[in-house]
């Protein structure tokens, strides 16, 4: 009896370790052109505030982004981005919700965001293409601004149905700006 229980626990443990690969988040792969055309706003900015709040039975985090530059659309001085998940620490027992491979914005982070209007929270936006529409801005060793996109926790489904694991990539911010402005439907002429 003890031996069969130990075997069952071992099988369950092995099966559990294999589950994350099966349950990994999958998103339809978006090209840069798709992202530009789908987005109502494309902005660079700085995260000045994060606040989690309940919307019905869903916990979201609202990120306030101080807009540095509008590459598409006409945002105000700030935009509110609704991110899936968050932490409610105001309860006797804190509650957290998280979504695998969901986009995250960190306090004081500089970002480039592809945004679409969000119905869940009035006046807010969500990130287009799940994590695909969020890039972190930094300065490289040569002093140039770069945009980094990390999709390594995301499975991407191609137009032909193929599935591949996402990867991280870095691009010069000036090059990305130019490509956004040159893509049809990128917004105002500059």
N, C-alpha and C. Protein backbone atom coordinates (compact mmCIF):
# COMPACT_ATOMS: atom_id res chain seq x y z
N UNK A 1 0.83 -1.19 0.00
CA UNK A 1 0.00 0.00 0.00
C UNK A 1 0.87 1.26 0.00
N UNK A 2 1.88 1.28 0.86
CA UNK A 2 2.76 2.43 0.94
C UNK A 2 3.53 2.62 -0.37
N UNK A 3 3.96 1.50 -0.95
CA UNK A 3 4.72 1.56 -2.20
C UNK A 3 3.84 2.10 -3.34
N UNK A 4 2.59 1.68 -3.43
CA UNK A 4 1.70 2.17 -4.51
C UNK A 4 1.35 3.64 -4.29
N UNK A 5 1.24 4.09 -3.04
CA UNK A 5 0.99 5.50 -2.76
C UNK A 5 2.19 6.33 -3.16
N UNK A 6 3.39 5.86 -2.85
CA UNK A 6 4.61 6.57 -3.22
C UNK A 6 4.72 6.66 -4.75
N UNK A 7 4.38 5.58 -5.43
CA UNK A 7 4.42 5.57 -6.89
C UNK A 7 3.41 6.58 -7.46
N UNK A 8 2.21 6.63 -6.88
CA UNK A 8 1.18 7.57 -7.35
C UNK A 8 1.62 9.01 -7.14
N UNK A 9 2.25 9.27 -5.99
CA UNK A 9 2.75 10.62 -5.71
C UNK A 9 3.85 10.98 -6.70
N UNK A 10 4.74 10.05 -7.00
CA UNK A 10 5.82 10.30 -7.95
C UNK A 10 5.26 10.59 -9.34
N UNK A 11 4.27 9.83 -9.78
CA UNK A 11 3.64 10.04 -11.09
C UNK A 11 2.96 11.41 -11.12
N UNK A 12 2.27 11.76 -10.04
CA UNK A 12 1.61 13.05 -9.96
C UNK A 12 2.63 14.19 -10.01
N UNK A 13 3.76 14.03 -9.32
CA UNK A 13 4.81 15.04 -9.31
C UNK A 13 5.40 15.22 -10.71
N UNK A 14 5.69 14.14 -11.39
CA UNK A 14 6.24 14.22 -12.75
C UNK A 14 5.22 14.88 -13.68
N UNK A 15 3.95 14.51 -13.56
CA UNK A 15 2.91 15.10 -14.40
C UNK A 15 2.77 16.59 -14.12
N UNK A 16 2.86 16.98 -12.87
CA UNK A 16 2.76 18.38 -12.50
C UNK A 16 3.91 19.19 -13.08
N UNK A 17 5.10 18.65 -13.07
CA UNK A 17 6.25 19.36 -13.62
C UNK A 17 6.12 19.54 -15.13
N UNK A 18 5.42 18.65 -15.79
CA UNK A 18 5.24 18.75 -17.24
C UNK A 18 4.13 19.71 -17.62
N UNK A 19 3.22 20.03 -16.72
CA UNK A 19 2.07 20.86 -17.02
C UNK A 19 2.43 22.28 -17.45
N UNK A 20 3.38 22.99 -16.83
CA UNK A 20 3.65 24.35 -17.27
C UNK A 20 3.94 24.47 -18.76
N UNK A 21 4.59 23.51 -19.37
CA UNK A 21 4.85 23.58 -20.80
C UNK A 21 3.55 23.50 -21.59
N UNK A 22 2.59 22.72 -21.11
CA UNK A 22 1.32 22.58 -21.78
C UNK A 22 0.45 23.81 -21.54
N UNK A 23 0.51 24.38 -20.35
CA UNK A 23 -0.33 25.50 -19.98
C UNK A 23 0.29 26.85 -20.29
N UNK A 24 1.41 26.90 -20.95
CA UNK A 24 2.05 28.18 -21.26
C UNK A 24 1.09 29.06 -22.04
N UNK A 25 1.18 30.36 -21.83
CA UNK A 25 0.30 31.30 -22.51
C UNK A 25 0.66 31.38 -23.98
N UNK A 26 -0.36 31.34 -24.81
CA UNK A 26 -0.17 31.42 -26.26
C UNK A 26 -0.90 32.65 -26.77
N UNK A 27 -0.25 33.40 -27.64
CA UNK A 27 -0.85 34.57 -28.27
C UNK A 27 -0.63 34.48 -29.76
N UNK A 28 -1.55 35.04 -30.52
CA UNK A 28 -1.39 35.10 -31.96
C UNK A 28 -0.26 36.08 -32.26
N UNK A 29 0.71 35.63 -33.03
CA UNK A 29 1.88 36.47 -33.33
C UNK A 29 1.46 37.67 -34.17
N UNK A 30 1.92 38.85 -33.76
CA UNK A 30 1.64 40.08 -34.47
C UNK A 30 2.93 40.60 -35.09
N UNK A 31 2.84 41.03 -36.33
CA UNK A 31 3.99 41.69 -36.95
C UNK A 31 4.03 43.12 -36.44
N UNK A 32 5.14 43.77 -36.65
CA UNK A 32 5.27 45.18 -36.27
C UNK A 32 4.19 46.01 -36.97
N UNK A 33 3.96 45.73 -38.24
CA UNK A 33 2.93 46.44 -39.01
C UNK A 33 1.55 46.20 -38.42
N UNK A 34 1.24 44.95 -38.05
CA UNK A 34 -0.04 44.63 -37.40
C UNK A 34 -0.22 45.46 -36.14
N UNK A 35 0.83 45.51 -35.32
CA UNK A 35 0.76 46.23 -34.05
C UNK A 35 0.50 47.71 -34.28
N UNK A 36 1.17 48.28 -35.26
CA UNK A 36 1.01 49.71 -35.54
C UNK A 36 -0.42 49.98 -36.01
N UNK A 37 -0.93 49.16 -36.90
CA UNK A 37 -2.26 49.38 -37.45
C UNK A 37 -3.37 49.12 -36.42
N UNK A 38 -3.18 48.14 -35.53
CA UNK A 38 -4.19 47.82 -34.52
C UNK A 38 -4.26 48.85 -33.40
N UNK A 39 -3.17 49.54 -33.15
CA UNK A 39 -3.09 50.44 -32.00
C UNK A 39 -3.79 51.77 -32.24
N UNK A 40 -4.52 52.22 -31.23
CA UNK A 40 -5.11 53.56 -31.26
C UNK A 40 -4.07 54.58 -30.85
N UNK A 41 -3.17 54.18 -29.93
CA UNK A 41 -2.08 55.03 -29.46
C UNK A 41 -0.78 54.25 -29.47
N UNK A 42 0.30 54.93 -29.83
CA UNK A 42 1.64 54.38 -29.62
C UNK A 42 2.41 55.50 -28.95
N UNK A 43 2.89 55.23 -27.73
CA UNK A 43 3.55 56.28 -26.95
C UNK A 43 4.83 55.76 -26.31
N UNK A 44 5.72 56.69 -26.04
CA UNK A 44 6.82 56.41 -25.13
C UNK A 44 6.50 57.19 -23.86
N UNK A 45 6.95 56.66 -22.73
CA UNK A 45 6.65 57.34 -21.49
C UNK A 45 7.32 56.70 -20.30
N UNK A 46 6.96 57.22 -19.13
CA UNK A 46 7.56 56.85 -17.86
C UNK A 46 6.44 56.48 -16.89
N UNK A 47 6.55 55.32 -16.26
CA UNK A 47 5.54 54.87 -15.30
C UNK A 47 5.70 55.64 -13.99
N UNK A 48 4.68 56.42 -13.65
CA UNK A 48 4.75 57.24 -12.43
C UNK A 48 3.95 56.66 -11.27
N UNK A 49 3.02 55.74 -11.57
CA UNK A 49 2.17 55.22 -10.50
C UNK A 49 1.56 53.88 -10.91
N UNK A 50 1.47 52.96 -9.96
CA UNK A 50 0.79 51.68 -10.14
C UNK A 50 -0.22 51.51 -9.02
N UNK A 51 -1.42 51.05 -9.38
CA UNK A 51 -2.45 50.82 -8.37
C UNK A 51 -3.33 49.66 -8.81
N UNK A 52 -3.48 48.68 -7.93
CA UNK A 52 -4.36 47.55 -8.24
C UNK A 52 -5.77 47.88 -7.79
N UNK A 53 -6.76 47.40 -8.55
CA UNK A 53 -8.15 47.59 -8.16
C UNK A 53 -8.99 46.44 -8.70
N UNK A 54 -10.09 46.20 -8.01
CA UNK A 54 -11.03 45.16 -8.43
C UNK A 54 -11.99 45.75 -9.45
N UNK A 55 -12.25 45.00 -10.50
CA UNK A 55 -13.29 45.31 -11.47
C UNK A 55 -14.16 44.06 -11.51
N UNK A 56 -15.25 44.10 -10.76
CA UNK A 56 -16.05 42.90 -10.57
C UNK A 56 -15.22 41.90 -9.78
N UNK A 57 -15.02 40.72 -10.33
CA UNK A 57 -14.22 39.68 -9.67
C UNK A 57 -12.82 39.58 -10.26
N UNK A 58 -12.44 40.60 -11.04
CA UNK A 58 -11.13 40.60 -11.68
C UNK A 58 -10.25 41.67 -11.06
N UNK A 59 -9.03 41.31 -10.75
CA UNK A 59 -8.06 42.26 -10.19
C UNK A 59 -7.17 42.75 -11.33
N UNK A 60 -7.10 44.06 -11.49
CA UNK A 60 -6.26 44.66 -12.51
C UNK A 60 -5.31 45.66 -11.85
N UNK A 61 -4.22 45.93 -12.54
CA UNK A 61 -3.30 46.97 -12.09
C UNK A 61 -3.35 48.10 -13.09
N UNK A 62 -3.58 49.30 -12.59
CA UNK A 62 -3.61 50.48 -13.44
C UNK A 62 -2.26 51.17 -13.36
N UNK A 63 -1.62 51.31 -14.51
CA UNK A 63 -0.32 51.98 -14.60
C UNK A 63 -0.54 53.36 -15.20
N UNK A 64 -0.07 54.38 -14.51
CA UNK A 64 -0.14 55.74 -15.03
C UNK A 64 1.17 56.01 -15.75
N UNK A 65 1.07 56.33 -17.03
CA UNK A 65 2.24 56.59 -17.86
C UNK A 65 2.29 58.07 -18.22
N UNK A 66 3.35 58.73 -17.81
CA UNK A 66 3.60 60.12 -18.20
C UNK A 66 4.13 60.07 -19.62
N UNK A 67 3.36 60.60 -20.57
CA UNK A 67 3.71 60.49 -21.98
C UNK A 67 4.89 61.41 -22.31
N UNK A 68 5.92 60.82 -22.92
CA UNK A 68 7.08 61.56 -23.38
C UNK A 68 6.92 61.94 -24.84
N UNK A 69 6.39 60.98 -25.64
CA UNK A 69 6.25 61.18 -27.06
C UNK A 69 5.08 60.36 -27.59
N UNK A 70 4.28 60.99 -28.45
CA UNK A 70 3.18 60.27 -29.12
C UNK A 70 3.64 59.93 -30.53
N UNK A 71 3.72 58.64 -30.82
CA UNK A 71 4.10 58.20 -32.16
C UNK A 71 2.88 57.90 -33.02
N UNK A 72 1.72 57.72 -32.38
CA UNK A 72 0.45 57.55 -33.07
C UNK A 72 -0.65 57.97 -32.11
N UNK A 73 -1.62 58.71 -32.61
CA UNK A 73 -2.74 59.13 -31.80
C UNK A 73 -2.44 60.41 -31.05
N UNK A 74 -3.44 60.86 -30.30
CA UNK A 74 -3.34 62.11 -29.55
C UNK A 74 -3.66 61.86 -28.07
N UNK A 75 -2.70 61.32 -27.33
CA UNK A 75 -2.94 61.10 -25.90
C UNK A 75 -2.85 62.43 -25.14
N UNK A 76 -3.31 62.41 -23.93
CA UNK A 76 -3.09 63.56 -23.06
C UNK A 76 -1.68 63.49 -22.50
N UNK A 77 -1.45 64.23 -21.43
CA UNK A 77 -0.13 64.22 -20.78
C UNK A 77 0.16 62.87 -20.14
N UNK A 78 -0.90 62.15 -19.76
CA UNK A 78 -0.75 60.81 -19.19
C UNK A 78 -1.77 59.88 -19.83
N UNK A 79 -1.46 58.58 -19.80
CA UNK A 79 -2.42 57.55 -20.18
C UNK A 79 -2.46 56.52 -19.06
N UNK A 80 -3.63 55.92 -18.90
CA UNK A 80 -3.80 54.86 -17.90
C UNK A 80 -3.86 53.53 -18.65
N UNK A 81 -2.99 52.61 -18.26
CA UNK A 81 -2.91 51.30 -18.89
C UNK A 81 -3.39 50.25 -17.89
N UNK A 82 -4.41 49.48 -18.28
CA UNK A 82 -4.95 48.41 -17.44
C UNK A 82 -4.20 47.11 -17.75
N UNK A 83 -3.52 46.59 -16.75
CA UNK A 83 -2.76 45.34 -16.88
C UNK A 83 -3.49 44.22 -16.15
N UNK A 84 -3.54 43.03 -16.72
CA UNK A 84 -4.22 41.92 -16.03
C UNK A 84 -3.47 41.50 -14.77
N UNK A 85 -4.22 41.32 -13.69
CA UNK A 85 -3.63 40.87 -12.43
C UNK A 85 -3.26 42.01 -11.52
N UNK A 86 -2.84 41.66 -10.32
CA UNK A 86 -2.44 42.67 -9.35
C UNK A 86 -2.42 42.11 -7.95
N UNK A 87 -2.26 43.00 -6.98
CA UNK A 87 -2.21 42.61 -5.57
C UNK A 87 -3.14 43.52 -4.78
N UNK A 88 -4.03 42.91 -4.00
CA UNK A 88 -4.90 43.67 -3.10
C UNK A 88 -4.36 43.45 -1.69
N UNK A 89 -3.53 44.37 -1.23
CA UNK A 89 -2.91 44.24 0.09
C UNK A 89 -3.73 44.92 1.17
N UNK A 90 -4.90 45.45 0.83
CA UNK A 90 -5.76 46.11 1.82
C UNK A 90 -6.65 45.14 2.57
N UNK A 91 -6.59 43.89 2.24
CA UNK A 91 -7.41 42.87 2.90
C UNK A 91 -6.67 42.32 4.12
N UNK A 92 -7.43 41.70 5.00
CA UNK A 92 -6.82 41.05 6.16
C UNK A 92 -5.80 40.02 5.70
N UNK A 93 -6.17 39.25 4.69
CA UNK A 93 -5.25 38.32 4.03
C UNK A 93 -5.10 38.82 2.60
N UNK A 94 -3.94 39.36 2.24
CA UNK A 94 -3.74 39.90 0.89
C UNK A 94 -4.05 38.87 -0.19
N UNK A 95 -4.56 39.37 -1.31
CA UNK A 95 -4.93 38.53 -2.44
C UNK A 95 -4.16 39.00 -3.66
N UNK A 96 -3.66 38.05 -4.43
CA UNK A 96 -2.95 38.38 -5.67
C UNK A 96 -3.52 37.56 -6.81
N UNK A 97 -3.55 38.16 -8.00
CA UNK A 97 -3.93 37.46 -9.22
C UNK A 97 -2.82 37.69 -10.22
N UNK A 98 -2.45 36.64 -10.91
CA UNK A 98 -1.44 36.80 -11.96
C UNK A 98 -1.84 35.98 -13.16
N UNK A 99 -1.34 36.40 -14.31
CA UNK A 99 -1.61 35.73 -15.57
C UNK A 99 -0.27 35.41 -16.21
N UNK A 100 -0.01 34.15 -16.55
CA UNK A 100 1.29 33.80 -17.14
C UNK A 100 1.57 34.62 -18.40
N UNK A 101 2.76 35.17 -18.47
CA UNK A 101 3.26 35.93 -19.62
C UNK A 101 2.50 37.22 -19.88
N UNK A 102 1.71 37.68 -18.92
CA UNK A 102 0.99 38.95 -19.10
C UNK A 102 1.99 40.10 -19.12
N UNK A 103 1.64 41.17 -19.82
CA UNK A 103 2.53 42.33 -19.81
C UNK A 103 2.61 42.93 -18.41
N UNK A 104 3.79 43.38 -18.05
CA UNK A 104 3.99 44.03 -16.75
C UNK A 104 4.73 45.33 -16.97
N UNK A 105 4.35 46.32 -16.20
CA UNK A 105 5.04 47.61 -16.20
C UNK A 105 5.47 47.84 -14.77
N UNK A 106 6.69 48.29 -14.59
CA UNK A 106 7.26 48.46 -13.26
C UNK A 106 7.34 49.95 -12.89
N UNK A 107 7.32 50.26 -11.59
CA UNK A 107 7.44 51.65 -11.17
C UNK A 107 8.72 52.28 -11.74
N UNK A 108 8.60 53.49 -12.23
CA UNK A 108 9.71 54.28 -12.77
C UNK A 108 10.31 53.71 -14.07
N UNK A 109 9.63 52.74 -14.67
CA UNK A 109 10.12 52.15 -15.91
C UNK A 109 9.80 53.06 -17.10
N UNK A 110 10.74 53.17 -18.02
CA UNK A 110 10.53 53.87 -19.29
C UNK A 110 10.09 52.84 -20.32
N UNK A 111 9.01 53.14 -21.04
CA UNK A 111 8.41 52.15 -21.93
C UNK A 111 8.01 52.77 -23.26
N UNK A 112 7.85 51.88 -24.26
CA UNK A 112 7.17 52.20 -25.50
C UNK A 112 6.00 51.24 -25.55
N UNK A 113 4.79 51.79 -25.73
CA UNK A 113 3.58 50.97 -25.65
C UNK A 113 2.71 51.12 -26.90
N UNK A 114 2.23 49.99 -27.39
CA UNK A 114 1.22 49.93 -28.44
C UNK A 114 -0.10 49.71 -27.69
N UNK A 115 -1.04 50.65 -27.78
CA UNK A 115 -2.22 50.62 -26.93
C UNK A 115 -3.52 50.60 -27.71
N UNK A 116 -4.50 49.88 -27.15
CA UNK A 116 -5.86 49.84 -27.68
C UNK A 116 -6.81 50.21 -26.53
N UNK A 117 -7.95 50.85 -26.85
CA UNK A 117 -8.89 51.20 -25.78
C UNK A 117 -9.33 49.95 -25.01
N UNK A 118 -9.50 50.10 -23.69
CA UNK A 118 -9.87 49.01 -22.80
C UNK A 118 -11.26 49.28 -22.25
N UNK A 119 -12.19 48.33 -22.41
CA UNK A 119 -13.56 48.50 -21.93
C UNK A 119 -13.71 48.22 -20.45
N UNK A 120 -12.81 47.45 -19.87
CA UNK A 120 -12.93 47.01 -18.48
C UNK A 120 -12.89 48.19 -17.51
N UNK A 121 -12.01 49.15 -17.75
CA UNK A 121 -11.87 50.34 -16.90
C UNK A 121 -12.02 51.56 -17.80
N UNK A 122 -13.03 52.36 -17.54
CA UNK A 122 -13.34 53.52 -18.38
C UNK A 122 -12.12 54.43 -18.53
N UNK A 123 -11.85 54.84 -19.77
CA UNK A 123 -10.77 55.78 -20.05
C UNK A 123 -9.38 55.16 -20.07
N UNK A 124 -9.31 53.84 -19.96
CA UNK A 124 -7.99 53.20 -19.93
C UNK A 124 -7.70 52.50 -21.25
N UNK A 125 -6.47 52.05 -21.37
CA UNK A 125 -6.00 51.32 -22.54
C UNK A 125 -5.41 50.00 -22.08
N UNK A 126 -5.39 49.01 -22.99
CA UNK A 126 -4.65 47.78 -22.73
C UNK A 126 -3.54 47.69 -23.77
N UNK A 127 -2.60 46.82 -23.51
CA UNK A 127 -1.46 46.66 -24.40
C UNK A 127 -1.85 45.73 -25.54
N UNK A 128 -1.65 46.19 -26.76
CA UNK A 128 -2.01 45.41 -27.96
C UNK A 128 -1.14 44.16 -28.04
N UNK A 129 -1.75 43.05 -28.45
CA UNK A 129 -1.00 41.82 -28.65
C UNK A 129 -0.47 41.20 -27.37
N UNK A 130 -1.17 41.43 -26.24
CA UNK A 130 -0.76 40.93 -24.94
C UNK A 130 0.62 41.50 -24.60
N UNK A 131 1.65 40.72 -24.42
CA UNK A 131 2.97 41.25 -24.08
C UNK A 131 3.72 41.81 -25.29
N UNK A 132 3.23 41.53 -26.49
CA UNK A 132 3.94 41.94 -27.69
C UNK A 132 3.98 43.46 -27.85
N UNK A 133 3.05 44.17 -27.23
CA UNK A 133 2.97 45.62 -27.40
C UNK A 133 3.66 46.43 -26.34
N UNK A 134 4.54 45.81 -25.55
CA UNK A 134 5.27 46.53 -24.50
C UNK A 134 6.76 46.36 -24.69
N UNK A 135 7.47 47.46 -24.79
CA UNK A 135 8.93 47.44 -24.89
C UNK A 135 9.51 48.31 -23.79
N UNK A 136 10.59 47.85 -23.20
CA UNK A 136 11.28 48.60 -22.16
C UNK A 136 12.36 49.45 -22.81
N UNK A 137 12.43 50.72 -22.40
CA UNK A 137 13.43 51.63 -22.96
C UNK A 137 14.61 51.75 -22.01
N UNK A 138 15.80 51.80 -22.57
CA UNK A 138 17.03 51.94 -21.78
C UNK A 138 18.08 52.60 -22.67
N UNK A 139 19.22 52.87 -22.09
CA UNK A 139 20.35 53.43 -22.83
C UNK A 139 21.42 52.35 -22.92
N UNK A 140 21.93 52.11 -24.14
CA UNK A 140 22.95 51.08 -24.31
C UNK A 140 24.34 51.62 -23.96
N UNK A 141 25.35 50.77 -24.10
CA UNK A 141 26.73 51.13 -23.73
C UNK A 141 27.27 52.30 -24.56
N UNK A 142 26.71 52.51 -25.76
CA UNK A 142 27.16 53.61 -26.62
C UNK A 142 26.36 54.89 -26.36
N UNK A 143 25.46 54.87 -25.38
CA UNK A 143 24.68 56.05 -25.03
C UNK A 143 23.44 56.25 -25.89
N UNK A 144 23.08 55.25 -26.69
CA UNK A 144 21.90 55.35 -27.55
C UNK A 144 20.70 54.68 -26.86
N UNK A 145 19.51 55.25 -27.10
CA UNK A 145 18.28 54.68 -26.56
C UNK A 145 17.92 53.42 -27.34
N UNK A 146 17.59 52.35 -26.60
CA UNK A 146 17.17 51.09 -27.21
C UNK A 146 15.83 50.66 -26.61
N UNK A 147 15.09 49.88 -27.38
CA UNK A 147 13.82 49.30 -26.93
C UNK A 147 13.98 47.79 -26.90
N UNK A 148 13.67 47.19 -25.76
CA UNK A 148 13.80 45.74 -25.60
C UNK A 148 12.42 45.13 -25.38
N UNK A 149 12.17 44.06 -26.10
CA UNK A 149 10.92 43.33 -25.99
C UNK A 149 11.27 41.90 -25.58
N UNK A 150 10.71 41.45 -24.44
CA UNK A 150 10.99 40.10 -23.96
C UNK A 150 9.73 39.25 -24.03
N UNK A 151 9.68 38.36 -25.01
CA UNK A 151 8.53 37.47 -25.19
C UNK A 151 8.89 36.03 -24.85
N UNK A 152 9.96 35.83 -24.08
CA UNK A 152 10.45 34.47 -23.81
C UNK A 152 9.47 33.62 -22.99
N UNK A 153 8.51 34.24 -22.31
CA UNK A 153 7.53 33.47 -21.53
C UNK A 153 6.25 33.23 -22.32
N UNK A 154 6.26 33.57 -23.60
CA UNK A 154 5.05 33.52 -24.42
C UNK A 154 5.23 32.56 -25.59
N UNK A 155 4.22 31.75 -25.86
CA UNK A 155 4.19 30.94 -27.08
C UNK A 155 3.47 31.76 -28.13
N UNK A 156 4.02 31.82 -29.33
CA UNK A 156 3.44 32.60 -30.40
C UNK A 156 2.91 31.69 -31.49
N UNK A 157 1.66 31.90 -31.86
CA UNK A 157 1.05 31.12 -32.92
C UNK A 157 1.09 31.94 -34.21
N UNK A 158 1.78 31.41 -35.21
CA UNK A 158 1.91 32.09 -36.49
C UNK A 158 0.64 32.03 -37.31
N UNK A 159 0.61 32.79 -38.40
CA UNK A 159 -0.57 32.82 -39.28
C UNK A 159 -0.87 31.46 -39.89
N UNK A 160 0.17 30.63 -40.05
CA UNK A 160 -0.03 29.30 -40.63
C UNK A 160 -0.37 28.24 -39.57
N UNK A 161 -0.54 28.68 -38.32
CA UNK A 161 -0.90 27.76 -37.25
C UNK A 161 0.28 27.20 -36.49
N UNK A 162 1.50 27.45 -36.99
CA UNK A 162 2.69 26.93 -36.30
C UNK A 162 2.86 27.62 -34.95
N UNK A 163 3.46 26.92 -34.03
CA UNK A 163 3.67 27.42 -32.68
C UNK A 163 5.16 27.49 -32.40
N UNK A 164 5.60 28.63 -31.86
CA UNK A 164 7.01 28.76 -31.49
C UNK A 164 7.11 29.56 -30.21
N UNK A 165 8.20 29.36 -29.51
CA UNK A 165 8.47 30.07 -28.27
C UNK A 165 8.95 31.47 -28.62
N UNK A 166 8.45 32.48 -27.91
CA UNK A 166 8.89 33.85 -28.11
C UNK A 166 10.33 34.01 -27.66
N UNK A 167 10.93 35.12 -28.02
CA UNK A 167 12.32 35.41 -27.66
C UNK A 167 12.44 36.88 -27.28
N UNK A 168 13.60 37.25 -26.82
CA UNK A 168 13.88 38.65 -26.50
C UNK A 168 14.59 39.29 -27.68
N UNK A 169 14.30 40.57 -27.91
CA UNK A 169 15.00 41.30 -28.96
C UNK A 169 15.18 42.75 -28.53
N UNK A 170 16.21 43.37 -29.07
CA UNK A 170 16.51 44.77 -28.79
C UNK A 170 16.69 45.49 -30.11
N UNK A 171 16.15 46.71 -30.17
CA UNK A 171 16.24 47.53 -31.38
C UNK A 171 16.55 48.97 -30.97
N UNK A 172 17.27 49.68 -31.83
CA UNK A 172 17.54 51.09 -31.58
C UNK A 172 16.20 51.83 -31.61
N UNK A 173 15.96 52.69 -30.63
CA UNK A 173 14.69 53.41 -30.54
C UNK A 173 14.48 54.31 -31.76
N UNK A 174 15.52 54.97 -32.24
CA UNK A 174 15.37 55.83 -33.42
C UNK A 174 14.90 55.02 -34.64
N UNK A 175 15.44 53.82 -34.80
CA UNK A 175 15.05 52.95 -35.92
C UNK A 175 13.58 52.54 -35.79
N UNK A 176 13.16 52.19 -34.58
CA UNK A 176 11.77 51.79 -34.36
C UNK A 176 10.83 52.98 -34.60
N UNK A 177 11.19 54.15 -34.12
CA UNK A 177 10.38 55.36 -34.37
C UNK A 177 10.17 55.56 -35.87
N UNK A 178 11.25 55.45 -36.62
CA UNK A 178 11.19 55.67 -38.06
C UNK A 178 10.26 54.64 -38.72
N UNK A 179 10.37 53.39 -38.33
CA UNK A 179 9.52 52.35 -38.91
C UNK A 179 8.05 52.57 -38.55
N UNK A 180 7.77 53.02 -37.33
CA UNK A 180 6.39 53.31 -36.93
C UNK A 180 5.84 54.44 -37.79
N UNK A 181 6.60 55.49 -37.95
CA UNK A 181 6.13 56.65 -38.73
C UNK A 181 5.96 56.34 -40.21
N UNK A 182 6.71 55.38 -40.73
CA UNK A 182 6.63 55.05 -42.15
C UNK A 182 5.57 54.01 -42.48
N UNK A 183 5.01 53.38 -41.45
CA UNK A 183 3.99 52.36 -41.69
C UNK A 183 2.64 53.04 -41.95
N UNK A 184 1.92 52.63 -43.00
CA UNK A 184 0.60 53.22 -43.28
C UNK A 184 -0.30 53.14 -42.05
N UNK A 185 -1.11 54.16 -41.87
CA UNK A 185 -2.03 54.27 -40.73
C UNK A 185 -1.30 54.46 -39.41
N UNK A 186 -0.08 54.96 -39.46
CA UNK A 186 0.67 55.18 -38.23
C UNK A 186 0.25 56.44 -37.51
N UNK A 187 -0.66 57.20 -38.06
CA UNK A 187 -1.14 58.39 -37.35
C UNK A 187 -0.71 59.64 -38.06
N UNK A 188 -0.61 60.70 -37.28
CA UNK A 188 -0.30 62.00 -37.84
C UNK A 188 1.04 61.99 -38.56
N UNK A 189 1.14 62.80 -39.60
CA UNK A 189 2.42 62.98 -40.28
C UNK A 189 3.32 63.81 -39.39
N UNK A 190 4.59 63.50 -39.40
CA UNK A 190 5.53 64.26 -38.55
C UNK A 190 6.64 64.80 -39.42
